[in-house]
Amino acid sequence: MTSIDAADSSSWPLWEVFIRSSRGLSHVHAGSLHAPDATMALRNARDLYTRRNEGTSVWVVPAAAIMASDPDSKGGFFESPQGKSYRHATYYTQSEGVKHL
């Protein structure tokens, strides 16, 4: 039987875990864990996050591979460029008789 040194496990890369609860739904972030490689991360994610048969599919992604926007620069990052108001359907008028547009 081998024991896992606490210092070794802390140097393992961080993996983000996404679970799809049933077919047709999107994967949802379930949490994160440390593992030495993708295979072990997938097995650990299965054991940790799907103990009650919650999932039909599990994704693990190295946390270092995820690029995220800065929440502080939300305005400039998500603001639509000037002159492209056609991307927002705010000026369309709803035709009479169309109930679900």
Foldseek 3Di string as FASTA:
>chain_A
DDDDDPVVQVPAFKKWKWFDQDPPDDTHTDGIGGDNDQVVRVVVCCVPPCVPVRGDDMDIDGPVPDDDDDPVCVCVVPPDDPPVCVVPPPPDDDDPPDDDD
